[in-house]
Amino acid sequence: MTAKRLVIEMGMGVDQHGQDPTVAAARAVRNAIAHNALPGVWEVAGLAHPNEMLVDVQVAVPFPDTVRRDEVLAVLPFGQKTLTLQDGGMVVVGKAIAELDDKNDDMYIATAAVTVSIPD
């Protein structure tokens, strides 16, 4: 299937406590889509329902092999979703807080690009 890109949205997410790459990745995707509306999906592209749009998510995050993919994609309310994970982001030294169940001082930072396309 060919597609035409409509918009690319970028975001960043951080898990300051808990050392969970999935949390950082999901927050990056949520940040990417947090402040937008896509009326062009109906008004310009002519789709009947937002589930017809194609949503390709790319996330760079520490330890991508441990990310729970379904939880990251669940952030997206609509669309035919795909997720590509790659090693990236950052590990930054923060401060462990016992009451937050930190395993160590690490904070994980993820970056995301969400591309919305319409079928051609």
PDB file of N, CA and C in Angstrom:
ATOM      1  N   MET A   1       0.839  -1.174   0.000  1.00  0.00           N
ATOM      2  CA  MET A   1       0.000   0.000   0.000  1.00  0.00           C
ATOM      3  C   MET A   1       0.886   1.240   0.000  1.00  0.00           C
ATOM      4  N   THR A   2       0.583   2.187  -0.864  1.00  0.00           N
ATOM      5  CA  THR A   2       1.297   3.453  -0.846  1.00  0.00           C
ATOM      6  C   THR A   2       0.518   4.445   0.007  1.00  0.00           C
ATOM      7  N   ALA A   3       1.207   5.467   0.450  1.00  0.00           N
ATOM      8  CA  ALA A   3       0.577   6.441   1.336  1.00  0.00           C
ATOM      9  C   ALA A   3       1.189   7.807   1.102  1.00  0.00           C
ATOM     10  N   LYS A   4       0.437   8.837   1.490  1.00  0.00           N
ATOM     11  CA  LYS A   4       0.923  10.211   1.448  1.00  0.00           C
ATOM     12  C   LYS A   4       0.996  10.731   2.877  1.00  0.00           C
ATOM     13  N   ARG A   5       2.177  11.254   3.225  1.00  0.00           N
ATOM     14  CA  ARG A   5       2.347  11.782   4.574  1.00  0.00           C
ATOM     15  C   ARG A   5       1.560  13.075   4.743  1.00  0.00           C
ATOM     16  N   LEU A   6       0.884  13.181   5.875  1.00  0.00           N
ATOM     17  CA  LEU A   6       0.095  14.366   6.184  1.00  0.00           C
ATOM     18  C   LEU A   6       0.808  15.249   7.208  1.00  0.00           C
ATOM     19  N   VAL A   7       1.387  14.634   8.233  1.00  0.00           N
ATOM     20  CA  VAL A   7       2.038  15.395   9.300  1.00  0.00           C
ATOM     21  C   VAL A   7       3.060  14.508  10.003  1.00  0.00           C
ATOM     22  N   ILE A   8       4.116  15.135  10.511  1.00  0.00           N
ATOM     23  CA  ILE A   8       5.093  14.458  11.363  1.00  0.00           C
ATOM     24  C   ILE A   8       5.158  15.248  12.661  1.00  0.00           C
ATOM     25  N   GLU A   9       4.952  14.564  13.764  1.00  0.00           N
ATOM     26  CA  GLU A   9       4.948  15.192  15.081  1.00  0.00           C
ATOM     27  C   GLU A   9       6.101  14.616  15.892  1.00  0.00           C
ATOM     28  N   MET A  10       6.786  15.468  16.666  1.00  0.00           N
ATOM     29  CA  MET A  10       7.917  15.020  17.458  1.00  0.00           C
ATOM     30  C   MET A  10       7.654  15.228  18.944  1.00  0.00           C
ATOM     31  N   GLY A  11       8.227  14.334  19.762  1.00  0.00           N
ATOM     32  CA  GLY A  11       8.032  14.473  21.199  1.00  0.00           C
ATOM     33  C   GLY A  11       9.187  13.878  21.987  1.00  0.00           C
ATOM     34  N   MET A  12       9.183  14.198  23.265  1.00  0.00           N
ATOM     35  CA  MET A  12      10.185  13.694  24.183  1.00  0.00           C
ATOM     36  C   MET A  12       9.485  13.229  25.454  1.00  0.00           C
ATOM     37  N   GLY A  13       9.982  12.146  26.030  1.00  0.00           N
ATOM     38  CA  GLY A  13       9.425  11.642  27.276  1.00  0.00           C
ATOM     39  C   GLY A  13      10.521  11.175  28.204  1.00  0.00           C
ATOM     40  N   VAL A  14      10.254  11.302  29.508  1.00  0.00           N
ATOM     41  CA  VAL A  14      11.251  10.952  30.520  1.00  0.00           C
ATOM     42  C   VAL A  14      10.612  10.071  31.585  1.00  0.00           C
ATOM     43  N   ASP A  15      11.322   9.032  31.992  1.00  0.00           N
ATOM     44  CA  ASP A  15      10.969   8.300  33.200  1.00  0.00           C
ATOM     45  C   ASP A  15      12.038   8.650  34.228  1.00  0.00           C
ATOM     46  N   GLN A  16      11.693   9.564  35.137  1.00  0.00           N
ATOM     47  CA  GLN A  16      12.654  10.019  36.140  1.00  0.00           C
ATOM     48  C   GLN A  16      12.857   9.010  37.249  1.00  0.00           C
ATOM     49  N   HIS A  17      11.825   8.218  37.522  1.00  0.00           N
ATOM     50  CA  HIS A  17      11.892   7.242  38.607  1.00  0.00           C
ATOM     51  C   HIS A  17      11.255   5.947  38.130  1.00  0.00           C
ATOM     52  N   GLY A  18      11.918   4.859  38.346  1.00  0.00           N
ATOM     53  CA  GLY A  18      11.379   3.568  37.965  1.00  0.00           C
ATOM     54  C   GLY A  18      12.201   2.854  36.920  1.00  0.00           C
ATOM     55  N   GLN A  19      13.020   3.600  36.188  1.00  0.00           N
ATOM     56  CA  GLN A  19      13.921   3.018  35.194  1.00  0.00           C
ATOM     57  C   GLN A  19      13.169   2.098  34.225  1.00  0.00           C
ATOM     58  N   ASP A  20      12.108   2.631  33.605  1.00  0.00           N
ATOM     59  CA  ASP A  20      11.285   1.848  32.689  1.00  0.00           C
ATOM     60  C   ASP A  20      11.278   2.498  31.307  1.00  0.00           C
ATOM     61  N   PRO A  21      11.966   1.907  30.325  1.00  0.00           N
ATOM     62  CA  PRO A  21      11.991   2.473  28.983  1.00  0.00           C
ATOM     63  C   PRO A  21      10.593   2.598  28.357  1.00  0.00           C
ATOM     64  N   THR A  22       9.680   1.719  28.729  1.00  0.00           N
ATOM     65  CA  THR A  22       8.318   1.801  28.190  1.00  0.00           C
ATOM     66  C   THR A  22       7.649   3.096  28.632  1.00  0.00           C
ATOM     67  N   VAL A  23       7.826   3.479  29.874  1.00  0.00           N
ATOM     68  CA  VAL A  23       7.231   4.724  30.384  1.00  0.00           C
ATOM     69  C   VAL A  23       7.786   5.918  29.616  1.00  0.00           C
ATOM     70  N   ALA A  24       9.094   5.963  29.426  1.00  0.00           N
ATOM     71  CA  ALA A  24       9.703   7.071  28.682  1.00  0.00           C
ATOM     72  C   ALA A  24       9.203   7.100  27.244  1.00  0.00           C
ATOM     73  N   ALA A  25       9.115   5.935  26.596  1.00  0.00           N
ATOM     74  CA  ALA A  25       8.658   5.863  25.206  1.00  0.00           C
ATOM     75  C   ALA A  25       7.206   6.306  25.075  1.00  0.00           C
ATOM     76  N   ALA A  26       6.343   5.834  25.951  1.00  0.00           N
ATOM     77  CA  ALA A  26       4.928   6.210  25.904  1.00  0.00           C
ATOM     78  C   ALA A  26       4.757   7.706  26.145  1.00  0.00           C
ATOM     79  N   ARG A  27       5.525   8.264  27.053  1.00  0.00           N
ATOM     80  CA  ARG A  27       5.445   9.701  27.315  1.00  0.00           C
ATOM     81  C   ARG A  27       5.923  10.503  26.114  1.00  0.00           C
ATOM     82  N   ALA A  28       6.935  10.011  25.406  1.00  0.00           N
ATOM     83  CA  ALA A  28       7.415  10.703  24.201  1.00  0.00           C
ATOM     84  C   ALA A  28       6.342  10.721  23.115  1.00  0.00           C
ATOM     85  N   VAL A  29       5.657   9.610  22.933  1.00  0.00           N
ATOM     86  CA  VAL A  29       4.586   9.553  21.938  1.00  0.00           C
ATOM     87  C   VAL A  29       3.430  10.453  22.361  1.00  0.00           C
ATOM     88  N   ARG A  30       3.057  10.395  23.621  1.00  0.00           N
ATOM     89  CA  ARG A  30       1.974  11.258  24.123  1.00  0.00           C
ATOM     90  C   ARG A  30       2.332  12.731  23.928  1.00  0.00           C
ATOM     91  N   ASN A  31       3.587  13.089  24.194  1.00  0.00           N
ATOM     92  CA  ASN A  31       4.038  14.463  24.000  1.00  0.00           C
ATOM     93  C   ASN A  31       3.961  14.873  22.537  1.00  0.00           C
ATOM     94  N   ALA A  32       4.278  13.948  21.642  1.00  0.00           N
ATOM     95  CA  ALA A  32       4.241  14.256  20.208  1.00  0.00           C
ATOM     96  C   ALA A  32       2.833  14.575  19.721  1.00  0.00           C
ATOM     97  N   ILE A  33       1.836  13.928  20.286  1.00  0.00           N
ATOM     98  CA  ILE A  33       0.464  14.121  19.787  1.00  0.00           C
ATOM     99  C   ILE A  33      -0.388  14.998  20.697  1.00  0.00           C
ATOM    100  N   ALA A  34       0.193  15.533  21.754  1.00  0.00           N
ATOM    101  CA  ALA A  34      -0.586  16.192  22.807  1.00  0.00           C
ATOM    102  C   ALA A  34      -1.313  17.453  22.369  1.00  0.00           C
ATOM    103  N   HIS A  35      -0.769  18.205  21.457  1.00  0.00           N
ATOM    104  CA  HIS A  35      -1.348  19.509  21.135  1.00  0.00           C
ATOM    105  C   HIS A  35      -1.636  19.623  19.646  1.00  0.00           C
ATOM    106  N   ASN A  36      -2.437  18.713  19.149  1.00  0.00           N
ATOM    107  CA  ASN A  36      -2.787  18.797  17.735  1.00  0.00           C
ATOM    108  C   ASN A  36      -4.205  18.314  17.504  1.00  0.00           C
ATOM    109  N   ALA A  37      -4.720  18.726  16.386  1.00  0.00           N
ATOM    110  CA  ALA A  37      -5.989  18.225  15.879  1.00  0.00           C
ATOM    111  C   ALA A  37      -5.747  17.996  14.388  1.00  0.00           C
ATOM    112  N   LEU A  38      -6.402  17.004  13.837  1.00  0.00           N
ATOM    113  CA  LEU A  38      -6.162  16.666  12.435  1.00  0.00           C
ATOM    114  C   LEU A  38      -7.460  16.727  11.616  1.00  0.00           C
ATOM    115  N   PRO A  39      -8.082  17.895  11.521  1.00  0.00           N
ATOM    116  CA  PRO A  39      -9.308  17.970  10.727  1.00  0.00           C
ATOM    117  C   PRO A  39      -9.071  17.684   9.245  1.00  0.00           C
ATOM    118  N   GLY A  40      -7.839  17.833   8.801  1.00  0.00           N
ATOM    119  CA  GLY A  40      -7.522  17.539   7.411  1.00  0.00           C
ATOM    120  C   GLY A  40      -7.744  16.084   7.040  1.00  0.00           C
ATOM    121  N   VAL A  41      -7.742  15.202   8.044  1.00  0.00           N
ATOM    122  CA  VAL A  41      -8.008  13.787   7.776  1.00  0.00           C
ATOM    123  C   VAL A  41      -9.385  13.627   7.136  1.00  0.00           C
ATOM    124  N   TRP A  42     -10.350  14.443   7.577  1.00  0.00           N
ATOM    125  CA  TRP A  42     -11.691  14.390   6.995  1.00  0.00           C
ATOM    126  C   TRP A  42     -11.860  15.422   5.891  1.00  0.00           C
ATOM    127  N   GLU A  43     -11.489  16.678   6.195  1.00  0.00           N
ATOM    128  CA  GLU A  43     -11.794  17.783   5.301  1.00  0.00           C
ATOM    129  C   GLU A  43     -10.961  17.806   4.027  1.00  0.00           C
ATOM    130  N   VAL A  44      -9.736  17.327   4.085  1.00  0.00           N
ATOM    131  CA  VAL A  44      -8.871  17.351   2.915  1.00  0.00           C
ATOM    132  C   VAL A  44      -8.667  15.950   2.347  1.00  0.00           C
ATOM    133  N   ALA A  45      -8.326  15.016   3.213  1.00  0.00           N
ATOM    134  CA  ALA A  45      -8.024  13.658   2.751  1.00  0.00           C
ATOM    135  C   ALA A  45      -9.276  12.846   2.460  1.00  0.00           C
ATOM    136  N   GLY A  46     -10.386  13.220   3.091  1.00  0.00           N
ATOM    137  CA  GLY A  46     -11.642  12.540   2.819  1.00  0.00           C
ATOM    138  C   GLY A  46     -11.811  11.190   3.473  1.00  0.00           C
ATOM    139  N   LEU A  47     -11.069  10.910   4.530  1.00  0.00           N
ATOM    140  CA  LEU A  47     -11.255   9.640   5.211  1.00  0.00           C
ATOM    141  C   LEU A  47     -12.586   9.654   5.953  1.00  0.00           C
ATOM    142  N   ALA A  48     -13.231   8.512   6.012  1.00  0.00           N
ATOM    143  CA  ALA A  48     -14.525   8.403   6.687  1.00  0.00           C
ATOM    144  C   ALA A  48     -14.367   8.256   8.197  1.00  0.00           C
ATOM    145  N   HIS A  49     -13.227   7.719   8.641  1.00  0.00           N
ATOM    146  CA  HIS A  49     -13.003   7.476  10.069  1.00  0.00           C
ATOM    147  C   HIS A  49     -11.509   7.613  10.350  1.00  0.00           C
ATOM    148  N   PRO A  50     -11.128   8.110  11.532  1.00  0.00           N
ATOM    149  CA  PRO A  50      -9.701   8.277  11.828  1.00  0.00           C
ATOM    150  C   PRO A  50      -8.925   6.963  11.891  1.00  0.00           C
ATOM    151  N   ASN A  51      -9.601   5.835  12.031  1.00  0.00           N
ATOM    152  CA  ASN A  51      -8.883   4.565  12.014  1.00  0.00           C
ATOM    153  C   ASN A  51      -8.356   4.206  10.628  1.00  0.00           C
ATOM    154  N   GLU A  52      -8.763   4.950   9.606  1.00  0.00           N
ATOM    155  CA  GLU A  52      -8.242   4.716   8.257  1.00  0.00           C
ATOM    156  C   GLU A  52      -6.862   5.337   8.054  1.00  0.00           C
ATOM    157  N   MET A  53      -6.476   6.297   8.908  1.00  0.00           N
ATOM    158  CA  MET A  53      -5.157   6.906   8.742  1.00  0.00           C
ATOM    159  C   MET A  53      -4.075   5.922   9.188  1.00  0.00           C
ATOM    160  N   LEU A  54      -2.908   6.091   8.622  1.00  0.00           N
ATOM    161  CA  LEU A  54      -1.757   5.254   8.943  1.00  0.00           C
ATOM    162  C   LEU A  54      -0.876   6.035   9.913  1.00  0.00           C
ATOM    163  N   VAL A  55      -0.547   5.432  11.032  1.00  0.00           N
ATOM    164  CA  VAL A  55       0.240   6.113  12.058  1.00  0.00           C
ATOM    165  C   VAL A  55       1.510   5.299  12.307  1.00  0.00           C
ATOM    166  N   ASP A  56       2.626   5.857  11.854  1.00  0.00           N
ATOM    167  CA  ASP A  56       3.921   5.197  12.002  1.00  0.00           C
ATOM    168  C   ASP A  56       4.687   5.885  13.117  1.00  0.00           C
ATOM    169  N   VAL A  57       5.049   5.138  14.140  1.00  0.00           N
ATOM    170  CA  VAL A  57       5.735   5.683  15.309  1.00  0.00           C
ATOM    171  C   VAL A  57       7.169   5.171  15.329  1.00  0.00           C
ATOM    172  N   GLN A  58       8.104   6.092  15.485  1.00  0.00           N
ATOM    173  CA  GLN A  58       9.507   5.749  15.662  1.00  0.00           C
ATOM    174  C   GLN A  58       9.932   6.284  17.014  1.00  0.00           C
ATOM    175  N   VAL A  59      10.565   5.440  17.823  1.00  0.00           N
ATOM    176  CA  VAL A  59      11.021   5.863  19.140  1.00  0.00           C
ATOM    177  C   VAL A  59      12.471   5.429  19.324  1.00  0.00           C
ATOM    178  N   ALA A  60      13.293   6.377  19.767  1.00  0.00           N
ATOM    179  CA  ALA A  60      14.668   6.087  20.167  1.00  0.00           C
ATOM    180  C   ALA A  60      14.706   6.156  21.687  1.00  0.00           C
ATOM    181  N   VAL A  61      15.111   5.059  22.307  1.00  0.00           N
ATOM    182  CA  VAL A  61      15.033   4.944  23.763  1.00  0.00           C
ATOM    183  C   VAL A  61      16.137   3.998  24.245  1.00  0.00           C
ATOM    184  N   PRO A  62      16.666   4.223  25.447  1.00  0.00           N
ATOM    185  CA  PRO A  62      17.608   3.247  25.988  1.00  0.00           C
ATOM    186  C   PRO A  62      16.923   1.880  26.167  1.00  0.00           C
ATOM    187  N   PHE A  63      17.615   0.839  25.895  1.00  0.00           N
ATOM    188  CA  PHE A  63      17.140  -0.532  26.080  1.00  0.00           C
ATOM    189  C   PHE A  63      15.831  -0.810  25.317  1.00  0.00           C
ATOM    190  N   PRO A  64      15.800  -0.547  24.014  1.00  0.00           N
ATOM    191  CA  PRO A  64      14.555  -0.699  23.240  1.00  0.00           C
ATOM    192  C   PRO A  64      13.989  -2.114  23.259  1.00  0.00           C
ATOM    193  N   ASP A  65      14.825  -3.114  23.457  1.00  0.00           N
ATOM    194  CA  ASP A  65      14.341  -4.500  23.468  1.00  0.00           C
ATOM    195  C   ASP A  65      13.451  -4.809  24.666  1.00  0.00           C
ATOM    196  N   THR A  66      13.452  -3.935  25.662  1.00  0.00           N
ATOM    197  CA  THR A  66      12.635  -4.178  26.848  1.00  0.00           C
ATOM    198  C   THR A  66      11.301  -3.422  26.818  1.00  0.00           C
ATOM    199  N   VAL A  67      11.078  -2.634  25.781  1.00  0.00           N
ATOM    200  CA  VAL A  67       9.854  -1.823  25.693  1.00  0.00           C
ATOM    201  C   VAL A  67       8.653  -2.716  25.410  1.00  0.00           C
ATOM    202  N   ARG A  68       7.587  -2.477  26.145  1.00  0.00           N
ATOM    203  CA  ARG A  68       6.310  -3.174  25.934  1.00  0.00           C
ATOM    204  C   ARG A  68       5.539  -2.418  24.853  1.00  0.00           C
ATOM    205  N   ARG A  69       5.633  -2.938  23.637  1.00  0.00           N
ATOM    206  CA  ARG A  69       5.142  -2.254  22.442  1.00  0.00           C
ATOM    207  C   ARG A  69       3.662  -1.892  22.531  1.00  0.00           C
ATOM    208  N   ASP A  70       2.846  -2.793  23.040  1.00  0.00           N
ATOM    209  CA  ASP A  70       1.406  -2.536  23.098  1.00  0.00           C
ATOM    210  C   ASP A  70       1.085  -1.335  23.981  1.00  0.00           C
ATOM    211  N   GLU A  71       1.848  -1.118  25.039  1.00  0.00           N
ATOM    212  CA  GLU A  71       1.601   0.021  25.920  1.00  0.00           C
ATOM    213  C   GLU A  71       1.949   1.349  25.240  1.00  0.00           C
ATOM    214  N   VAL A  72       2.980   1.343  24.421  1.00  0.00           N
ATOM    215  CA  VAL A  72       3.347   2.561  23.697  1.00  0.00           C
ATOM    216  C   VAL A  72       2.285   2.883  22.646  1.00  0.00           C
ATOM    217  N   LEU A  73       1.875   1.888  21.887  1.00  0.00           N
ATOM    218  CA  LEU A  73       0.866   2.128  20.840  1.00  0.00           C
ATOM    219  C   LEU A  73      -0.504   2.463  21.423  1.00  0.00           C
ATOM    220  N   ALA A  74      -0.773   2.046  22.647  1.00  0.00           N
ATOM    221  CA  ALA A  74      -2.062   2.345  23.278  1.00  0.00           C
ATOM    222  C   ALA A  74      -2.252   3.841  23.519  1.00  0.00           C
ATOM    223  N   VAL A  75      -1.175   4.604  23.510  1.00  0.00           N
ATOM    224  CA  VAL A  75      -1.264   6.061  23.670  1.00  0.00           C
ATOM    225  C   VAL A  75      -2.017   6.687  22.493  1.00  0.00           C
ATOM    226  N   LEU A  76      -1.928   6.070  21.336  1.00  0.00           N
ATOM    227  CA  LEU A  76      -2.563   6.607  20.125  1.00  0.00           C
ATOM    228  C   LEU A  76      -4.030   6.199  20.088  1.00  0.00           C
ATOM    229  N   PRO A  77      -4.949   7.163  20.004  1.00  0.00           N
ATOM    230  CA  PRO A  77      -6.371   6.819  20.056  1.00  0.00           C
ATOM    231  C   PRO A  77      -6.908   6.193  18.775  1.00  0.00           C
ATOM    232  N   PHE A  78      -6.304   6.485  17.631  1.00  0.00           N
ATOM    233  CA  PHE A  78      -6.839   6.020  16.351  1.00  0.00           C
ATOM    234  C   PHE A  78      -5.721   5.633  15.405  1.00  0.00           C
ATOM    235  N   GLY A  79      -6.094   4.986  14.322  1.00  0.00           N
ATOM    236  CA  GLY A  79      -5.172   4.721  13.232  1.00  0.00           C
ATOM    237  C   GLY A  79      -4.714   3.283  13.152  1.00  0.00           C
ATOM    238  N   GLN A  80      -4.152   2.971  12.003  1.00  0.00           N
ATOM    239  CA  GLN A  80      -3.488   1.688  11.771  1.00  0.00           C
ATOM    240  C   GLN A  80      -2.035   1.917  12.180  1.00  0.00           C
ATOM    241  N   LYS A  81      -1.660   1.380  13.320  1.00  0.00           N
ATOM    242  CA  LYS A  81      -0.436   1.757  14.007  1.00  0.00           C
ATOM    243  C   LYS A  81       0.714   0.788  13.760  1.00  0.00           C
ATOM    244  N   THR A  82       1.908   1.365  13.582  1.00  0.00           N
ATOM    245  CA  THR A  82       3.139   0.585  13.550  1.00  0.00           C
ATOM    246  C   THR A  82       4.148   1.261  14.473  1.00  0.00           C
ATOM    247  N   LEU A  83       5.046   0.467  15.034  1.00  0.00           N
ATOM    248  CA  LEU A  83       6.052   0.994  15.954  1.00  0.00           C
ATOM    249  C   LEU A  83       7.419   0.453  15.584  1.00  0.00           C
ATOM    250  N   THR A  84       8.362   1.362  15.435  1.00  0.00           N
ATOM    251  CA  THR A  84       9.761   1.014  15.235  1.00  0.00           C
ATOM    252  C   THR A  84      10.545   1.544  16.424  1.00  0.00           C
ATOM    253  N   LEU A  85      11.259   0.658  17.086  1.00  0.00           N
ATOM    254  CA  LEU A  85      12.073   1.041  18.236  1.00  0.00           C
ATOM    255  C   LEU A  85      13.543   0.960  17.848  1.00  0.00           C
ATOM    256  N   GLN A  86      14.325   1.914  18.337  1.00  0.00           N
ATOM    257  CA  GLN A  86      15.759   1.863  18.099  1.00  0.00           C
ATOM    258  C   GLN A  86      16.492   2.341  19.336  1.00  0.00           C
ATOM    259  N   ASP A  87      17.727   1.913  19.452  1.00  0.00           N
ATOM    260  CA  ASP A  87      18.552   2.319  20.572  1.00  0.00           C
ATOM    261  C   ASP A  87      18.857   3.802  20.434  1.00  0.00           C
ATOM    262  N   GLY A  88      18.665   4.533  21.505  1.00  0.00           N
ATOM    263  CA  GLY A  88      18.922   5.971  21.473  1.00  0.00           C
ATOM    264  C   GLY A  88      18.444   6.607  22.753  1.00  0.00           C
ATOM    265  N   GLY A  89      18.028   7.853  22.638  1.00  0.00           N
ATOM    266  CA  GLY A  89      17.622   8.573  23.831  1.00  0.00           C
ATOM    267  C   GLY A  89      18.829   8.818  24.707  1.00  0.00           C
ATOM    268  N   MET A  90      18.584   8.895  25.996  1.00  0.00           N
ATOM    269  CA  MET A  90      19.668   9.147  26.937  1.00  0.00           C
ATOM    270  C   MET A  90      19.403   8.458  28.258  1.00  0.00           C
ATOM    271  N   VAL A  91      20.481   8.158  28.949  1.00  0.00           N
ATOM    272  CA  VAL A  91      20.418   7.761  30.352  1.00  0.00           C
ATOM    273  C   VAL A  91      21.159   8.854  31.105  1.00  0.00           C
ATOM    274  N   VAL A  92      20.443   9.500  32.019  1.00  0.00           N
ATOM    275  CA  VAL A  92      20.993  10.623  32.769  1.00  0.00           C
ATOM    276  C   VAL A  92      20.975  10.263  34.247  1.00  0.00           C
ATOM    277  N   VAL A  93      22.019  10.643  34.957  1.00  0.00           N
ATOM    278  CA  VAL A  93      22.085  10.352  36.381  1.00  0.00           C
ATOM    279  C   VAL A  93      21.211  11.349  37.139  1.00  0.00           C
ATOM    280  N   GLY A  94      20.223  10.799  37.825  1.00  0.00           N
ATOM    281  CA  GLY A  94      19.353  11.605  38.674  1.00  0.00           C
ATOM    282  C   GLY A  94      19.623  11.254  40.124  1.00  0.00           C
ATOM    283  N   LYS A  95      18.556  11.025  40.877  1.00  0.00           N
ATOM    284  CA  LYS A  95      18.708  10.642  42.281  1.00  0.00           C
ATOM    285  C   LYS A  95      17.632   9.629  42.630  1.00  0.00           C
ATOM    286  N   ALA A  96      18.040   8.464  43.060  1.00  0.00           N
ATOM    287  CA  ALA A  96      17.099   7.422  43.464  1.00  0.00           C
ATOM    288  C   ALA A  96      16.358   7.842  44.725  1.00  0.00           C
ATOM    289  N   ILE A  97      15.063   7.558  44.737  1.00  0.00           N
ATOM    290  CA  ILE A  97      14.228   7.822  45.905  1.00  0.00           C
ATOM    291  C   ILE A  97      13.552   6.510  46.269  1.00  0.00           C
ATOM    292  N   ALA A  98      13.856   6.006  47.436  1.00  0.00           N
ATOM    293  CA  ALA A  98      13.386   4.687  47.851  1.00  0.00           C
ATOM    294  C   ALA A  98      11.867   4.572  47.801  1.00  0.00           C
ATOM    295  N   GLU A  99      11.155   5.619  48.221  1.00  0.00           N
ATOM    296  CA  GLU A  99       9.690   5.574  48.247  1.00  0.00           C
ATOM    297  C   GLU A  99       9.074   5.474  46.854  1.00  0.00           C
ATOM    298  N   LEU A 100       9.856   5.780  45.815  1.00  0.00           N
ATOM    299  CA  LEU A 100       9.370   5.674  44.439  1.00  0.00           C
ATOM    300  C   LEU A 100       9.834   4.385  43.774  1.00  0.00           C
ATOM    301  N   ASP A 101      10.383   3.477  44.563  1.00  0.00           N
ATOM    302  CA  ASP A 101      10.848   2.166  44.082  1.00  0.00           C
ATOM    303  C   ASP A 101      11.929   2.268  43.011  1.00  0.00           C
ATOM    304  N   ASP A 102      12.750   3.295  43.082  1.00  0.00           N
ATOM    305  CA  ASP A 102      13.869   3.396  42.147  1.00  0.00           C
ATOM    306  C   ASP A 102      14.830   2.241  42.359  1.00  0.00           C
ATOM    307  N   LYS A 103      15.362   1.732  41.264  1.00  0.00           N
ATOM    308  CA  LYS A 103      16.368   0.676  41.313  1.00  0.00           C
ATOM    309  C   LYS A 103      17.773   1.271  41.405  1.00  0.00           C
ATOM    310  N   ASN A 104      17.909   2.499  40.846  1.00  0.00           N
ATOM    311  CA  ASN A 104      19.195   3.193  40.824  1.00  0.00           C
ATOM    312  C   ASN A 104      18.936   4.673  40.539  1.00  0.00           C
ATOM    313  N   ASP A 105      19.984   5.426  40.259  1.00  0.00           N
ATOM    314  CA  ASP A 105      19.854   6.865  40.011  1.00  0.00           C
ATOM    315  C   ASP A 105      19.477   7.228  38.571  1.00  0.00           C
ATOM    316  N   ASP A 106      19.351   6.252  37.693  1.00  0.00           N
ATOM    317  CA  ASP A 106      19.154   6.542  36.270  1.00  0.00           C
ATOM    318  C   ASP A 106      17.774   7.115  35.946  1.00  0.00           C
ATOM    319  N   MET A 107      17.782   8.070  35.000  1.00  0.00           N
ATOM    320  CA  MET A 107      16.568   8.582  34.376  1.00  0.00           C
ATOM    321  C   MET A 107      16.678   8.230  32.889  1.00  0.00           C
ATOM    322  N   TYR A 108      15.580   7.765  32.292  1.00  0.00           N
ATOM    323  CA  TYR A 108      15.586   7.405  30.880  1.00  0.00           C
ATOM    324  C   TYR A 108      14.837   8.467  30.078  1.00  0.00           C
ATOM    325  N   ILE A 109      15.460   8.896  28.980  1.00  0.00           N
ATOM    326  CA  ILE A 109      14.856   9.888  28.103  1.00  0.00           C
ATOM    327  C   ILE A 109      14.667   9.249  26.727  1.00  0.00           C
ATOM    328  N   ALA A 110      13.461   9.408  26.164  1.00  0.00           N
ATOM    329  CA  ALA A 110      13.137   8.878  24.844  1.00  0.00           C
ATOM    330  C   ALA A 110      12.713  10.018  23.929  1.00  0.00           C
ATOM    331  N   THR A 111      12.965   9.848  22.638  1.00  0.00           N
ATOM    332  CA  THR A 111      12.457  10.774  21.625  1.00  0.00           C
ATOM    333  C   THR A 111      11.574   9.995  20.667  1.00  0.00           C
ATOM    334  N   ALA A 112      10.554  10.684  20.137  1.00  0.00           N
ATOM    335  CA  ALA A 112       9.613  10.014  19.251  1.00  0.00           C
ATOM    336  C   ALA A 112       9.280  10.894  18.060  1.00  0.00           C
ATOM    337  N   ALA A 113       9.019  10.246  16.943  1.00  0.00           N
ATOM    338  CA  ALA A 113       8.455  10.890  15.753  1.00  0.00           C
ATOM    339  C   ALA A 113       7.224  10.082  15.362  1.00  0.00           C
ATOM    340  N   VAL A 114       6.096  10.769  15.228  1.00  0.00           N
ATOM    341  CA  VAL A 114       4.840  10.135  14.853  1.00  0.00           C
ATOM    342  C   VAL A 114       4.449  10.692  13.492  1.00  0.00           C
ATOM    343  N   THR A 115       4.413   9.822  12.499  1.00  0.00           N
ATOM    344  CA  THR A 115       4.058  10.231  11.150  1.00  0.00           C
ATOM    345  C   THR A 115       2.658   9.742  10.826  1.00  0.00           C
ATOM    346  N   VAL A 116       1.782  10.681  10.460  1.00  0.00           N
ATOM    347  CA  VAL A 116       0.421  10.355  10.068  1.00  0.00           C
ATOM    348  C   VAL A 116       0.334  10.451   8.556  1.00  0.00           C
ATOM    349  N   SER A 117      -0.085   9.382   7.942  1.00  0.00           N
ATOM    350  CA  SER A 117      -0.241   9.321   6.488  1.00  0.00           C
ATOM    351  C   SER A 117      -1.652   8.929   6.142  1.00  0.00           C
ATOM    352  N   ILE A 118      -1.999   9.176   4.877  1.00  0.00           N
ATOM    353  CA  ILE A 118      -3.299   8.755   4.378  1.00  0.00           C
ATOM    354  C   ILE A 118      -3.061   7.776   3.231  1.00  0.00           C
ATOM    355  N   PRO A 119      -3.902   6.759   3.129  1.00  0.00           N
ATOM    356  CA  PRO A 119      -3.740   5.811   2.028  1.00  0.00           C
ATOM    357  C   PRO A 119      -3.860   6.528   0.696  1.00  0.00           C
ATOM    358  N   ASP A 120      -3.044   6.110  -0.251  1.00  0.00           N
ATOM    359  CA  ASP A 120      -3.039   6.726  -1.584  1.00  0.00           C
ATOM    360  C   ASP A 120      -4.089   6.058  -2.477  1.00  0.00           C
TER     361      ASP A 120
END
